[in-house]
Amino acid sequence: MSSRPVHHRRIFECYWIPHRENQIKICCGVCSKGNPGFSGAAIILGMEWDFDQGWSNVWIASDSMAAIRCFTANKIH
């Protein structure tokens, strides 16, 4: 009988923070390696939709560091 390695699982705490009154929250969590990929596109589409609806107070939550870096460095064209 052979054995296989045991993989220990990590438990991560996560929580949700509600948006403020008169604010819209976009939550985007997509795996992306090296560039914003679909995560960046989803954020941009969400923001365009928000502004089309007349909302200007937008909170973006994403786990894509590449997308976040592009937004904070104004590298969105």
N, C-alpha and C. Protein backbone atom coordinates (compact mmCIF):
# COMPACT_ATOMS: atom_id res chain seq x y z
N MET A 1 0.84 -1.15 0.00
CA MET A 1 0.00 0.00 0.00
C MET A 1 0.90 1.23 0.00
N SER A 2 0.59 2.15 -0.88
CA SER A 2 1.41 3.37 -0.95
C SER A 2 0.68 4.52 -0.23
N SER A 3 1.45 5.49 0.12
CA SER A 3 0.85 6.65 0.78
C SER A 3 1.03 7.88 -0.11
N ARG A 4 0.26 8.87 0.15
CA ARG A 4 0.40 10.12 -0.59
C ARG A 4 0.56 11.25 0.41
N PRO A 5 1.16 12.35 -0.03
CA PRO A 5 1.40 13.45 0.91
C PRO A 5 0.10 14.08 1.39
N VAL A 6 0.16 14.54 2.61
CA VAL A 6 -1.00 15.20 3.21
C VAL A 6 -0.90 16.69 2.92
N HIS A 7 -1.96 17.28 2.38
CA HIS A 7 -2.00 18.71 2.12
C HIS A 7 -2.84 19.37 3.19
N HIS A 8 -2.20 20.23 3.96
CA HIS A 8 -2.93 20.94 5.01
C HIS A 8 -3.67 22.12 4.39
N ARG A 9 -4.87 22.31 4.79
CA ARG A 9 -5.67 23.43 4.29
C ARG A 9 -5.55 24.61 5.24
N ARG A 10 -5.49 25.78 4.66
CA ARG A 10 -5.47 26.99 5.46
C ARG A 10 -6.88 27.55 5.52
N ILE A 11 -7.21 28.08 6.65
CA ILE A 11 -8.50 28.74 6.80
C ILE A 11 -8.24 30.24 6.78
N PHE A 12 -8.91 30.92 5.87
CA PHE A 12 -8.77 32.36 5.75
C PHE A 12 -10.05 33.02 6.23
N GLU A 13 -9.88 34.03 7.03
CA GLU A 13 -11.03 34.80 7.49
C GLU A 13 -11.39 35.81 6.41
N CYS A 14 -12.63 35.89 6.08
CA CYS A 14 -13.07 36.91 5.14
C CYS A 14 -14.32 37.57 5.68
N TYR A 15 -14.56 38.75 5.26
CA TYR A 15 -15.71 39.50 5.75
C TYR A 15 -16.19 40.44 4.66
N TRP A 16 -17.38 40.92 4.80
CA TRP A 16 -17.99 41.83 3.85
C TRP A 16 -18.32 43.12 4.56
N ILE A 17 -17.97 44.22 3.95
CA ILE A 17 -18.28 45.53 4.51
C ILE A 17 -19.35 46.16 3.63
N PRO A 18 -20.48 46.52 4.19
CA PRO A 18 -21.53 47.13 3.36
C PRO A 18 -21.11 48.52 2.89
N HIS A 19 -21.63 48.90 1.74
CA HIS A 19 -21.33 50.23 1.22
C HIS A 19 -22.10 51.29 2.00
N ARG A 20 -21.65 52.52 1.87
CA ARG A 20 -22.30 53.64 2.55
C ARG A 20 -23.54 54.06 1.78
N GLU A 21 -24.35 54.85 2.41
CA GLU A 21 -25.52 55.38 1.75
C GLU A 21 -25.08 56.24 0.56
N ASN A 22 -25.81 56.17 -0.54
CA ASN A 22 -25.51 56.90 -1.78
C ASN A 22 -24.18 56.45 -2.39
N GLN A 23 -23.83 55.19 -2.21
CA GLN A 23 -22.59 54.66 -2.75
C GLN A 23 -22.89 53.31 -3.40
N ILE A 24 -22.21 53.02 -4.48
CA ILE A 24 -22.35 51.72 -5.14
C ILE A 24 -21.02 50.98 -4.95
N LYS A 25 -21.09 49.68 -4.71
CA LYS A 25 -19.89 48.89 -4.48
C LYS A 25 -19.77 47.84 -5.58
N ILE A 26 -18.61 47.79 -6.23
CA ILE A 26 -18.31 46.78 -7.25
C ILE A 26 -17.32 45.81 -6.62
N CYS A 27 -17.70 44.55 -6.51
CA CYS A 27 -16.81 43.51 -5.99
C CYS A 27 -16.38 42.64 -7.17
N CYS A 28 -15.10 42.55 -7.38
CA CYS A 28 -14.60 41.79 -8.52
C CYS A 28 -13.44 40.93 -8.05
N GLY A 29 -13.60 39.64 -8.10
CA GLY A 29 -12.55 38.72 -7.70
C GLY A 29 -12.29 37.72 -8.81
N VAL A 30 -11.21 37.92 -9.53
CA VAL A 30 -10.87 37.05 -10.65
C VAL A 30 -9.39 36.74 -10.58
N CYS A 31 -9.04 35.51 -10.84
CA CYS A 31 -7.63 35.12 -10.88
C CYS A 31 -7.01 35.69 -12.15
N SER A 32 -5.88 36.35 -12.01
CA SER A 32 -5.22 36.96 -13.15
C SER A 32 -3.73 36.96 -12.86
N LYS A 33 -2.93 36.57 -13.85
CA LYS A 33 -1.49 36.52 -13.62
C LYS A 33 -0.79 37.54 -14.51
N GLY A 34 -0.13 38.52 -13.89
CA GLY A 34 0.70 39.44 -14.61
C GLY A 34 0.02 40.66 -15.20
N ASN A 35 -1.25 40.58 -15.49
CA ASN A 35 -1.96 41.74 -16.04
C ASN A 35 -3.39 41.70 -15.55
N PRO A 36 -4.12 42.80 -15.67
CA PRO A 36 -5.48 42.84 -15.11
C PRO A 36 -6.44 41.87 -15.78
N GLY A 37 -6.24 41.56 -17.05
CA GLY A 37 -7.09 40.60 -17.73
C GLY A 37 -8.57 40.88 -17.55
N PHE A 38 -9.34 39.83 -17.30
CA PHE A 38 -10.79 39.95 -17.16
C PHE A 38 -11.18 40.78 -15.94
N SER A 39 -10.35 40.74 -14.90
CA SER A 39 -10.66 41.51 -13.70
C SER A 39 -10.68 42.99 -14.00
N GLY A 40 -9.68 43.48 -14.70
CA GLY A 40 -9.63 44.89 -15.06
C GLY A 40 -10.79 45.26 -15.98
N ALA A 41 -11.11 44.38 -16.92
CA ALA A 41 -12.23 44.65 -17.84
C ALA A 41 -13.55 44.70 -17.08
N ALA A 42 -13.73 43.81 -16.12
CA ALA A 42 -14.98 43.79 -15.34
C ALA A 42 -15.12 45.07 -14.52
N ILE A 43 -14.02 45.55 -13.98
CA ILE A 43 -14.06 46.79 -13.19
C ILE A 43 -14.41 47.97 -14.10
N ILE A 44 -13.77 48.03 -15.26
CA ILE A 44 -14.03 49.13 -16.19
C ILE A 44 -15.48 49.11 -16.66
N LEU A 45 -15.98 47.94 -17.03
CA LEU A 45 -17.38 47.84 -17.47
C LEU A 45 -18.34 48.23 -16.34
N GLY A 46 -18.02 47.81 -15.14
CA GLY A 46 -18.86 48.17 -13.99
C GLY A 46 -18.87 49.66 -13.75
N MET A 47 -17.71 50.29 -13.88
CA MET A 47 -17.64 51.74 -13.68
C MET A 47 -18.39 52.48 -14.78
N GLU A 48 -18.25 52.02 -16.03
CA GLU A 48 -18.97 52.67 -17.13
C GLU A 48 -20.48 52.57 -16.88
N TRP A 49 -20.92 51.42 -16.44
CA TRP A 49 -22.35 51.23 -16.17
C TRP A 49 -22.80 52.15 -15.04
N ASP A 50 -21.98 52.25 -14.00
CA ASP A 50 -22.32 53.12 -12.86
C ASP A 50 -22.47 54.57 -13.31
N PHE A 51 -21.51 55.05 -14.08
CA PHE A 51 -21.55 56.44 -14.51
C PHE A 51 -22.72 56.67 -15.48
N ASP A 52 -23.03 55.68 -16.31
CA ASP A 52 -24.20 55.79 -17.20
C ASP A 52 -25.49 55.92 -16.39
N GLN A 53 -25.52 55.31 -15.20
CA GLN A 53 -26.68 55.38 -14.33
C GLN A 53 -26.71 56.67 -13.51
N GLY A 54 -25.63 57.44 -13.60
CA GLY A 54 -25.57 58.70 -12.86
C GLY A 54 -24.94 58.59 -11.49
N TRP A 55 -24.33 57.43 -11.18
CA TRP A 55 -23.69 57.25 -9.89
C TRP A 55 -22.23 57.68 -9.99
N SER A 56 -21.79 58.50 -9.05
CA SER A 56 -20.40 58.96 -9.08
C SER A 56 -19.61 58.54 -7.84
N ASN A 57 -20.29 58.03 -6.83
CA ASN A 57 -19.62 57.59 -5.61
C ASN A 57 -19.49 56.06 -5.67
N VAL A 58 -18.37 55.60 -6.22
CA VAL A 58 -18.18 54.17 -6.50
C VAL A 58 -17.03 53.64 -5.65
N TRP A 59 -17.26 52.49 -5.01
CA TRP A 59 -16.25 51.81 -4.21
C TRP A 59 -15.93 50.50 -4.93
N ILE A 60 -14.67 50.29 -5.26
CA ILE A 60 -14.25 49.08 -5.98
C ILE A 60 -13.47 48.19 -5.03
N ALA A 61 -13.88 46.92 -4.94
CA ALA A 61 -13.16 45.92 -4.14
C ALA A 61 -12.72 44.81 -5.08
N SER A 62 -11.43 44.54 -5.13
CA SER A 62 -10.90 43.52 -6.04
C SER A 62 -9.72 42.83 -5.39
N ASP A 63 -9.51 41.57 -5.77
CA ASP A 63 -8.34 40.86 -5.29
C ASP A 63 -7.24 40.81 -6.36
N SER A 64 -7.44 41.52 -7.46
CA SER A 64 -6.45 41.57 -8.53
C SER A 64 -5.50 42.74 -8.28
N MET A 65 -4.32 42.45 -7.78
CA MET A 65 -3.35 43.51 -7.52
C MET A 65 -2.92 44.20 -8.80
N ALA A 66 -2.86 43.46 -9.92
CA ALA A 66 -2.49 44.07 -11.19
C ALA A 66 -3.52 45.12 -11.60
N ALA A 67 -4.81 44.81 -11.45
CA ALA A 67 -5.86 45.77 -11.79
C ALA A 67 -5.81 46.97 -10.86
N ILE A 68 -5.59 46.74 -9.59
CA ILE A 68 -5.52 47.83 -8.61
C ILE A 68 -4.35 48.75 -8.92
N ARG A 69 -3.18 48.16 -9.26
CA ARG A 69 -2.01 48.97 -9.60
C ARG A 69 -2.28 49.84 -10.83
N CYS A 70 -2.95 49.29 -11.83
CA CYS A 70 -3.27 50.08 -13.04
C CYS A 70 -4.17 51.26 -12.70
N PHE A 71 -5.15 51.04 -11.86
CA PHE A 71 -6.06 52.13 -11.49
C PHE A 71 -5.35 53.19 -10.65
N THR A 72 -4.54 52.78 -9.70
CA THR A 72 -3.90 53.76 -8.83
C THR A 72 -2.79 54.52 -9.56
N ALA A 73 -2.22 53.95 -10.63
CA ALA A 73 -1.18 54.62 -11.39
C ALA A 73 -1.74 55.34 -12.61
N ASN A 74 -3.08 55.38 -12.75
CA ASN A 74 -3.74 56.02 -13.91
C ASN A 74 -3.25 55.45 -15.24
N LYS A 75 -3.12 54.13 -15.30
CA LYS A 75 -2.68 53.47 -16.54
C LYS A 75 -3.84 52.84 -17.29
N ILE A 76 -5.03 53.34 -17.07
CA ILE A 76 -6.20 52.83 -17.77
C ILE A 76 -6.43 53.73 -18.97
N HIS A 77 -6.50 53.15 -20.15
CA HIS A 77 -6.68 53.93 -21.39
C HIS A 77 -8.08 53.74 -21.93
